[in-house]
PDB file of all heavy atoms in Angstrom:
ATOM      1  N   ALA A   1     -18.517  23.817  14.532  1.00  0.00           N
ATOM      2  CA  ALA A   1     -18.694  22.677  13.626  1.00  0.00           C
ATOM      3  C   ALA A   1     -20.077  22.656  13.003  1.00  0.00           C
ATOM      4  O   ALA A   1     -20.265  22.135  11.905  1.00  0.00           O
ATOM      5  CB  ALA A   1     -18.428  21.365  14.364  1.00  0.00           C
ATOM      6  N   ALA A   2     -21.082  23.243  13.679  1.00  0.00           N
ATOM      7  CA  ALA A   2     -22.456  23.231  13.181  1.00  0.00           C
ATOM      8  C   ALA A   2     -22.734  24.356  12.189  1.00  0.00           C
ATOM      9  O   ALA A   2     -23.765  24.347  11.523  1.00  0.00           O
ATOM     10  CB  ALA A   2     -23.427  23.341  14.359  1.00  0.00           C
ATOM     11  N   ASP A   3     -21.847  25.313  12.077  1.00  0.00           N
ATOM     12  CA  ASP A   3     -22.054  26.451  11.173  1.00  0.00           C
ATOM     13  C   ASP A   3     -22.090  25.966   9.726  1.00  0.00           C
ATOM     14  O   ASP A   3     -21.100  25.420   9.232  1.00  0.00           O
ATOM     15  CB  ASP A   3     -20.921  27.463  11.367  1.00  0.00           C
ATOM     16  CG  ASP A   3     -21.063  28.699  10.492  1.00  0.00           C
ATOM     17  OD1 ASP A   3     -21.956  28.730   9.616  1.00  0.00           O
ATOM     18  OD2 ASP A   3     -20.272  29.630  10.685  1.00  0.00           O
ATOM     19  N   PRO A   4     -23.223  26.132   9.022  1.00  0.00           N
ATOM     20  CA  PRO A   4     -23.313  25.636   7.648  1.00  0.00           C
ATOM     21  C   PRO A   4     -22.349  26.346   6.691  1.00  0.00           C
ATOM     22  O   PRO A   4     -22.051  25.837   5.619  1.00  0.00           O
ATOM     23  CB  PRO A   4     -24.773  25.884   7.258  1.00  0.00           C
ATOM     24  CG  PRO A   4     -25.290  26.876   8.226  1.00  0.00           C
ATOM     25  CD  PRO A   4     -24.468  26.770   9.465  1.00  0.00           C
ATOM     26  N   GLU A   5     -21.825  27.486   7.076  1.00  0.00           N
ATOM     27  CA  GLU A   5     -20.895  28.251   6.244  1.00  0.00           C
ATOM     28  C   GLU A   5     -19.431  27.987   6.594  1.00  0.00           C
ATOM     29  O   GLU A   5     -18.537  28.589   6.025  1.00  0.00           O
ATOM     30  CB  GLU A   5     -21.187  29.752   6.385  1.00  0.00           C
ATOM     31  CG  GLU A   5     -22.591  30.149   5.966  1.00  0.00           C
ATOM     32  CD  GLU A   5     -22.862  29.850   4.497  1.00  0.00           C
ATOM     33  OE1 GLU A   5     -21.987  30.102   3.658  1.00  0.00           O
ATOM     34  OE2 GLU A   5     -23.963  29.332   4.201  1.00  0.00           O
ATOM     35  N   ARG A   6     -19.189  27.082   7.542  1.00  0.00           N
ATOM     36  CA  ARG A   6     -17.817  26.841   7.976  1.00  0.00           C
ATOM     37  C   ARG A   6     -17.001  26.229   6.842  1.00  0.00           C
ATOM     38  O   ARG A   6     -17.530  25.523   5.993  1.00  0.00           O
ATOM     39  CB  ARG A   6     -17.777  25.944   9.203  1.00  0.00           C
ATOM     40  CG  ARG A   6     -18.100  24.498   8.902  1.00  0.00           C
ATOM     41  CD  ARG A   6     -17.665  23.573  10.023  1.00  0.00           C
ATOM     42  NE  ARG A   6     -18.332  22.307   9.950  1.00  0.00           N
ATOM     43  CZ  ARG A   6     -18.041  21.359   9.057  1.00  0.00           C
ATOM     44  NH1 ARG A   6     -17.106  21.539   8.177  1.00  0.00           N
ATOM     45  NH2 ARG A   6     -18.705  20.226   9.050  1.00  0.00           N
ATOM     46  N   PRO A   7     -15.711  26.501   6.844  1.00  0.00           N
ATOM     47  CA  PRO A   7     -14.842  25.869   5.846  1.00  0.00           C
ATOM     48  C   PRO A   7     -14.635  24.397   6.191  1.00  0.00           C
ATOM     49  O   PRO A   7     -15.040  23.935   7.262  1.00  0.00           O
ATOM     50  CB  PRO A   7     -13.537  26.656   5.961  1.00  0.00           C
ATOM     51  CG  PRO A   7     -13.546  27.194   7.357  1.00  0.00           C
ATOM     52  CD  PRO A   7     -14.994  27.408   7.720  1.00  0.00           C
ATOM     53  N   ALA A   8     -13.970  23.698   5.301  1.00  0.00           N
ATOM     54  CA  ALA A   8     -13.644  22.295   5.569  1.00  0.00           C
ATOM     55  C   ALA A   8     -12.859  22.192   6.868  1.00  0.00           C
ATOM     56  O   ALA A   8     -12.052  23.059   7.191  1.00  0.00           O
ATOM     57  CB  ALA A   8     -12.825  21.719   4.419  1.00  0.00           C
ATOM     58  N   LEU A   9     -13.117  21.125   7.614  1.00  0.00           N
ATOM     59  CA  LEU A   9     -12.444  20.954   8.900  1.00  0.00           C
ATOM     60  C   LEU A   9     -10.950  20.656   8.744  1.00  0.00           C
ATOM     61  O   LEU A   9     -10.145  21.012   9.591  1.00  0.00           O
ATOM     62  CB  LEU A   9     -13.107  19.844   9.702  1.00  0.00           C
ATOM     63  CG  LEU A   9     -14.524  20.128  10.193  1.00  0.00           C
ATOM     64  CD1 LEU A   9     -15.117  18.877  10.818  1.00  0.00           C
ATOM     65  CD2 LEU A   9     -14.527  21.274  11.180  1.00  0.00           C
ATOM     66  N   GLY A  10     -10.587  19.964   7.680  1.00  0.00           N
ATOM     67  CA  GLY A  10      -9.180  19.654   7.443  1.00  0.00           C
ATOM     68  C   GLY A  10      -8.545  18.946   8.626  1.00  0.00           C
ATOM     69  O   GLY A  10      -9.133  18.042   9.220  1.00  0.00           O
ATOM     70  N   ASP A  11      -7.355  19.382   9.024  1.00  0.00           N
ATOM     71  CA  ASP A  11      -6.616  18.757  10.114  1.00  0.00           C
ATOM     72  C   ASP A  11      -7.309  18.875  11.467  1.00  0.00           C
ATOM     73  O   ASP A  11      -6.952  18.164  12.404  1.00  0.00           O
ATOM     74  CB  ASP A  11      -5.212  19.354  10.231  1.00  0.00           C
ATOM     75  CG  ASP A  11      -4.217  18.646   9.335  1.00  0.00           C
ATOM     76  OD1 ASP A  11      -4.585  17.612   8.754  1.00  0.00           O
ATOM     77  OD2 ASP A  11      -3.076  19.118   9.239  1.00  0.00           O
ATOM     78  N   ALA A  12      -8.286  19.778  11.583  1.00  0.00           N
ATOM     79  CA  ALA A  12      -9.012  19.890  12.854  1.00  0.00           C
ATOM     80  C   ALA A  12      -9.872  18.656  13.091  1.00  0.00           C
ATOM     81  O   ALA A  12     -10.224  18.348  14.224  1.00  0.00           O
ATOM     82  CB  ALA A  12      -9.890  21.142  12.865  1.00  0.00           C
ATOM     83  N   CYS A  13     -10.180  17.920  12.031  1.00  0.00           N
ATOM     84  CA  CYS A  13     -11.047  16.744  12.139  1.00  0.00           C
ATOM     85  C   CYS A  13     -10.217  15.497  12.461  1.00  0.00           C
ATOM     86  O   CYS A  13      -9.369  15.090  11.662  1.00  0.00           O
ATOM     87  CB  CYS A  13     -11.813  16.533  10.839  1.00  0.00           C
ATOM     88  SG  CYS A  13     -12.828  15.047  10.862  1.00  0.00           S
ATOM     89  N   PRO A  14     -10.478  14.855  13.604  1.00  0.00           N
ATOM     90  CA  PRO A  14      -9.709  13.651  13.940  1.00  0.00           C
ATOM     91  C   PRO A  14      -9.976  12.491  12.984  1.00  0.00           C
ATOM     92  O   PRO A  14      -9.102  11.647  12.786  1.00  0.00           O
ATOM     93  CB  PRO A  14     -10.166  13.324  15.369  1.00  0.00           C
ATOM     94  CG  PRO A  14     -11.479  14.004  15.524  1.00  0.00           C
ATOM     95  CD  PRO A  14     -11.445  15.209  14.632  1.00  0.00           C
ATOM     96  N   ILE A  15     -11.156  12.460  12.368  1.00  0.00           N
ATOM     97  CA  ILE A  15     -11.443  11.400  11.389  1.00  0.00           C
ATOM     98  C   ILE A  15     -10.560  11.595  10.165  1.00  0.00           C
ATOM     99  O   ILE A  15      -9.994  10.637   9.637  1.00  0.00           O
ATOM    100  CB  ILE A  15     -12.939  11.377  11.018  1.00  0.00           C
ATOM    101  CG1 ILE A  15     -13.771  10.991  12.239  1.00  0.00           C
ATOM    102  CG2 ILE A  15     -13.192  10.420   9.847  1.00  0.00           C
ATOM    103  CD1 ILE A  15     -15.270  11.131  12.044  1.00  0.00           C
ATOM    104  N   GLU A  16     -10.428  12.822   9.717  1.00  0.00           N
ATOM    105  CA  GLU A  16      -9.569  13.086   8.558  1.00  0.00           C
ATOM    106  C   GLU A  16      -8.119  12.748   8.857  1.00  0.00           C
ATOM    107  O   GLU A  16      -7.422  12.155   8.037  1.00  0.00           O
ATOM    108  CB  GLU A  16      -9.702  14.540   8.110  1.00  0.00           C
ATOM    109  CG  GLU A  16      -8.945  14.814   6.828  1.00  0.00           C
ATOM    110  CD  GLU A  16      -9.304  16.120   6.164  1.00  0.00           C
ATOM    111  OE1 GLU A  16     -10.385  16.678   6.451  1.00  0.00           O
ATOM    112  OE2 GLU A  16      -8.496  16.585   5.348  1.00  0.00           O
ATOM    113  N   ARG A  17      -7.637  13.104  10.054  1.00  0.00           N
ATOM    114  CA  ARG A  17      -6.253  12.774  10.425  1.00  0.00           C
ATOM    115  C   ARG A  17      -6.053  11.261  10.469  1.00  0.00           C
ATOM    116  O   ARG A  17      -5.033  10.741  10.014  1.00  0.00           O
ATOM    117  CB  ARG A  17      -5.893  13.406  11.768  1.00  0.00           C
ATOM    118  CG  ARG A  17      -5.749  14.919  11.707  1.00  0.00           C
ATOM    119  CD  ARG A  17      -5.092  15.502  12.950  1.00  0.00           C
ATOM    120  NE  ARG A  17      -5.665  15.058  14.211  1.00  0.00           N
ATOM    121  CZ  ARG A  17      -6.713  15.612  14.829  1.00  0.00           C
ATOM    122  NH1 ARG A  17      -7.328  16.641  14.290  1.00  0.00           N
ATOM    123  NH2 ARG A  17      -7.135  15.149  15.982  1.00  0.00           N
ATOM    124  N   ALA A  18      -7.038  10.547  11.007  1.00  0.00           N
ATOM    125  CA  ALA A  18      -6.927   9.082  11.106  1.00  0.00           C
ATOM    126  C   ALA A  18      -6.963   8.432   9.730  1.00  0.00           C
ATOM    127  O   ALA A  18      -6.154   7.542   9.438  1.00  0.00           O
ATOM    128  CB  ALA A  18      -8.031   8.526  11.998  1.00  0.00           C
ATOM    129  N   ILE A  19      -7.885   8.867   8.868  1.00  0.00           N
ATOM    130  CA  ILE A  19      -8.017   8.221   7.562  1.00  0.00           C
ATOM    131  C   ILE A  19      -6.814   8.545   6.678  1.00  0.00           C
ATOM    132  O   ILE A  19      -6.429   7.739   5.839  1.00  0.00           O
ATOM    133  CB  ILE A  19      -9.362   8.576   6.882  1.00  0.00           C
ATOM    134  CG1 ILE A  19      -9.735   7.506   5.848  1.00  0.00           C
ATOM    135  CG2 ILE A  19      -9.338   9.934   6.242  1.00  0.00           C
ATOM    136  CD1 ILE A  19     -10.084   6.178   6.413  1.00  0.00           C
ATOM    137  N   THR A  20      -6.196   9.699   6.899  1.00  0.00           N
ATOM    138  CA  THR A  20      -4.968  10.027   6.166  1.00  0.00           C
ATOM    139  C   THR A  20      -3.884   9.007   6.492  1.00  0.00           C
ATOM    140  O   THR A  20      -3.131   8.576   5.624  1.00  0.00           O
ATOM    141  CB  THR A  20      -4.503  11.460   6.506  1.00  0.00           C
ATOM    142  OG1 THR A  20      -5.518  12.372   6.071  1.00  0.00           O
ATOM    143  CG2 THR A  20      -3.192  11.803   5.826  1.00  0.00           C
ATOM    144  N   LEU A  21      -3.826   8.578   7.740  1.00  0.00           N
ATOM    145  CA  LEU A  21      -2.844   7.584   8.171  1.00  0.00           C
ATOM    146  C   LEU A  21      -3.277   6.158   7.834  1.00  0.00           C
ATOM    147  O   LEU A  21      -2.478   5.339   7.393  1.00  0.00           O
ATOM    148  CB  LEU A  21      -2.623   7.704   9.681  1.00  0.00           C
ATOM    149  CG  LEU A  21      -1.714   6.667  10.340  1.00  0.00           C
ATOM    150  CD1 LEU A  21      -0.306   6.724   9.757  1.00  0.00           C
ATOM    151  CD2 LEU A  21      -1.679   6.888  11.835  1.00  0.00           C
ATOM    152  N   LEU A  22      -4.551   5.850   8.001  1.00  0.00           N
ATOM    153  CA  LEU A  22      -5.018   4.463   7.941  1.00  0.00           C
ATOM    154  C   LEU A  22      -5.781   4.104   6.669  1.00  0.00           C
ATOM    155  O   LEU A  22      -6.203   2.966   6.523  1.00  0.00           O
ATOM    156  CB  LEU A  22      -5.945   4.184   9.135  1.00  0.00           C
ATOM    157  CG  LEU A  22      -5.356   4.447  10.508  1.00  0.00           C
ATOM    158  CD1 LEU A  22      -6.432   4.325  11.568  1.00  0.00           C
ATOM    159  CD2 LEU A  22      -4.205   3.507  10.778  1.00  0.00           C
ATOM    160  N   GLY A  23      -5.974   5.035   5.753  1.00  0.00           N
ATOM    161  CA  GLY A  23      -6.900   4.855   4.641  1.00  0.00           C
ATOM    162  C   GLY A  23      -6.510   3.898   3.534  1.00  0.00           C
ATOM    163  O   GLY A  23      -7.270   3.720   2.595  1.00  0.00           O
ATOM    164  N   ARG A  24      -5.370   3.277   3.613  1.00  0.00           N
ATOM    165  CA  ARG A  24      -4.976   2.323   2.572  1.00  0.00           C
ATOM    166  C   ARG A  24      -5.381   0.903   2.974  1.00  0.00           C
ATOM    167  O   ARG A  24      -5.246   0.510   4.126  1.00  0.00           O
ATOM    168  CB  ARG A  24      -3.461   2.343   2.381  1.00  0.00           C
ATOM    169  CG  ARG A  24      -2.926   3.647   1.900  1.00  0.00           C
ATOM    170  CD  ARG A  24      -1.424   3.537   1.725  1.00  0.00           C
ATOM    171  NE  ARG A  24      -0.879   4.844   1.431  1.00  0.00           N
ATOM    172  CZ  ARG A  24       0.313   5.242   1.816  1.00  0.00           C
ATOM    173  NH1 ARG A  24       1.096   4.444   2.516  1.00  0.00           N
ATOM    174  NH2 ARG A  24       0.743   6.431   1.510  1.00  0.00           N
ATOM    175  N   ARG A  25      -5.810   0.137   1.998  1.00  0.00           N
ATOM    176  CA  ARG A  25      -6.151  -1.267   2.237  1.00  0.00           C
ATOM    177  C   ARG A  25      -4.965  -2.003   2.844  1.00  0.00           C
ATOM    178  O   ARG A  25      -5.106  -2.755   3.818  1.00  0.00           O
ATOM    179  CB  ARG A  25      -6.565  -1.921   0.915  1.00  0.00           C
ATOM    180  CG  ARG A  25      -6.836  -3.407   1.014  1.00  0.00           C
ATOM    181  CD  ARG A  25      -7.225  -3.979  -0.365  1.00  0.00           C
ATOM    182  NE  ARG A  25      -7.342  -5.407  -0.296  1.00  0.00           N
ATOM    183  CZ  ARG A  25      -6.333  -6.265  -0.529  1.00  0.00           C
ATOM    184  NH1 ARG A  25      -5.130  -5.808  -0.855  1.00  0.00           N
ATOM    185  NH2 ARG A  25      -6.520  -7.560  -0.442  1.00  0.00           N
ATOM    186  N   SER A  26      -3.772  -1.779   2.304  1.00  0.00           N
ATOM    187  CA  SER A  26      -2.581  -2.472   2.795  1.00  0.00           C
ATOM    188  C   SER A  26      -2.310  -2.141   4.260  1.00  0.00           C
ATOM    189  O   SER A  26      -1.917  -3.018   5.031  1.00  0.00           O
ATOM    190  CB  SER A  26      -1.365  -2.118   1.934  1.00  0.00           C
ATOM    191  OG  SER A  26      -1.174  -0.720   1.860  1.00  0.00           O
ATOM    192  N   THR A  27      -2.536  -0.908   4.662  1.00  0.00           N
ATOM    193  CA  THR A  27      -2.320  -0.505   6.053  1.00  0.00           C
ATOM    194  C   THR A  27      -3.245  -1.281   6.981  1.00  0.00           C
ATOM    195  O   THR A  27      -2.807  -1.833   7.991  1.00  0.00           O
ATOM    196  CB  THR A  27      -2.570   1.011   6.214  1.00  0.00           C
ATOM    197  OG1 THR A  27      -1.685   1.720   5.348  1.00  0.00           O
ATOM    198  CG2 THR A  27      -2.364   1.457   7.645  1.00  0.00           C
ATOM    199  N   VAL A  28      -4.512  -1.328   6.634  1.00  0.00           N
ATOM    200  CA  VAL A  28      -5.495  -2.002   7.488  1.00  0.00           C
ATOM    201  C   VAL A  28      -5.215  -3.501   7.548  1.00  0.00           C
ATOM    202  O   VAL A  28      -5.295  -4.109   8.615  1.00  0.00           O
ATOM    203  CB  VAL A  28      -6.935  -1.703   7.011  1.00  0.00           C
ATOM    204  CG1 VAL A  28      -7.949  -2.490   7.820  1.00  0.00           C
ATOM    205  CG2 VAL A  28      -7.216  -0.201   7.097  1.00  0.00           C
ATOM    206  N   LEU A  29      -4.849  -4.112   6.422  1.00  0.00           N
ATOM    207  CA  LEU A  29      -4.549  -5.548   6.431  1.00  0.00           C
ATOM    208  C   LEU A  29      -3.327  -5.863   7.289  1.00  0.00           C
ATOM    209  O   LEU A  29      -3.326  -6.846   8.044  1.00  0.00           O
ATOM    210  CB  LEU A  29      -4.338  -6.062   5.002  1.00  0.00           C
ATOM    211  CG  LEU A  29      -5.566  -6.037   4.102  1.00  0.00           C
ATOM    212  CD1 LEU A  29      -5.205  -6.537   2.703  1.00  0.00           C
ATOM    213  CD2 LEU A  29      -6.708  -6.841   4.692  1.00  0.00           C
ATOM    214  N   LEU A  30      -2.297  -5.040   7.226  1.00  0.00           N
ATOM    215  CA  LEU A  30      -1.120  -5.276   8.057  1.00  0.00           C
ATOM    216  C   LEU A  30      -1.432  -5.075   9.532  1.00  0.00           C
ATOM    217  O   LEU A  30      -0.974  -5.858  10.385  1.00  0.00           O
ATOM    218  CB  LEU A  30       0.031  -4.370   7.615  1.00  0.00           C
ATOM    219  CG  LEU A  30       0.638  -4.742   6.260  1.00  0.00           C
ATOM    220  CD1 LEU A  30       1.546  -3.637   5.757  1.00  0.00           C
ATOM    221  CD2 LEU A  30       1.374  -6.068   6.337  1.00  0.00           C
ATOM    222  N   LEU A  31      -2.232  -4.067   9.854  1.00  0.00           N
ATOM    223  CA  LEU A  31      -2.631  -3.869  11.253  1.00  0.00           C
ATOM    224  C   LEU A  31      -3.504  -5.017  11.740  1.00  0.00           C
ATOM    225  O   LEU A  31      -3.370  -5.459  12.875  1.00  0.00           O
ATOM    226  CB  LEU A  31      -3.340  -2.526  11.413  1.00  0.00           C
ATOM    227  CG  LEU A  31      -2.433  -1.305  11.283  1.00  0.00           C
ATOM    228  CD1 LEU A  31      -3.263  -0.046  11.193  1.00  0.00           C
ATOM    229  CD2 LEU A  31      -1.443  -1.242  12.442  1.00  0.00           C
ATOM    230  N   ARG A  32      -4.392  -5.508  10.880  1.00  0.00           N
ATOM    231  CA  ARG A  32      -5.206  -6.679  11.237  1.00  0.00           C
ATOM    232  C   ARG A  32      -4.306  -7.848  11.599  1.00  0.00           C
ATOM    233  O   ARG A  32      -4.479  -8.489  12.637  1.00  0.00           O
ATOM    234  CB  ARG A  32      -6.115  -7.065  10.062  1.00  0.00           C
ATOM    235  CG  ARG A  32      -6.918  -8.347  10.298  1.00  0.00           C
ATOM    236  CD  ARG A  32      -7.447  -8.950   9.014  1.00  0.00           C
ATOM    237  NE  ARG A  32      -6.366  -9.506   8.200  1.00  0.00           N
ATOM    238  CZ  ARG A  32      -6.507  -9.875   6.934  1.00  0.00           C
ATOM    239  NH1 ARG A  32      -7.664  -9.728   6.313  1.00  0.00           N
ATOM    240  NH2 ARG A  32      -5.489 -10.374   6.269  1.00  0.00           N
ATOM    241  N   GLU A  33      -3.340  -8.115  10.753  1.00  0.00           N
ATOM    242  CA  GLU A  33      -2.449  -9.251  11.006  1.00  0.00           C
ATOM    243  C   GLU A  33      -1.606  -9.046  12.257  1.00  0.00           C
ATOM    244  O   GLU A  33      -1.388  -9.988  13.015  1.00  0.00           O
ATOM    245  CB  GLU A  33      -1.573  -9.525   9.785  1.00  0.00           C
ATOM    246  CG  GLU A  33      -2.333 -10.173   8.649  1.00  0.00           C
ATOM    247  CD  GLU A  33      -3.053 -11.443   9.063  1.00  0.00           C
ATOM    248  OE1 GLU A  33      -2.487 -12.257   9.816  1.00  0.00           O
ATOM    249  OE2 GLU A  33      -4.206 -11.631   8.626  1.00  0.00           O
ATOM    250  N   ALA A  34      -1.148  -7.828  12.491  1.00  0.00           N
ATOM    251  CA  ALA A  34      -0.394  -7.559  13.719  1.00  0.00           C
ATOM    252  C   ALA A  34      -1.282  -7.795  14.936  1.00  0.00           C
ATOM    253  O   ALA A  34      -0.832  -8.353  15.942  1.00  0.00           O
ATOM    254  CB  ALA A  34       0.154  -6.129  13.708  1.00  0.00           C
TER     255      ALA A  34
END
């Protein structure tokens, strides 16, 4: 992960996987209400 020449992390990154699922305003508002 520290290699400055590394490619994009893509699916290896848990933040990217989470934001792909949770990144919509509507998603977060519905989860807040739940």
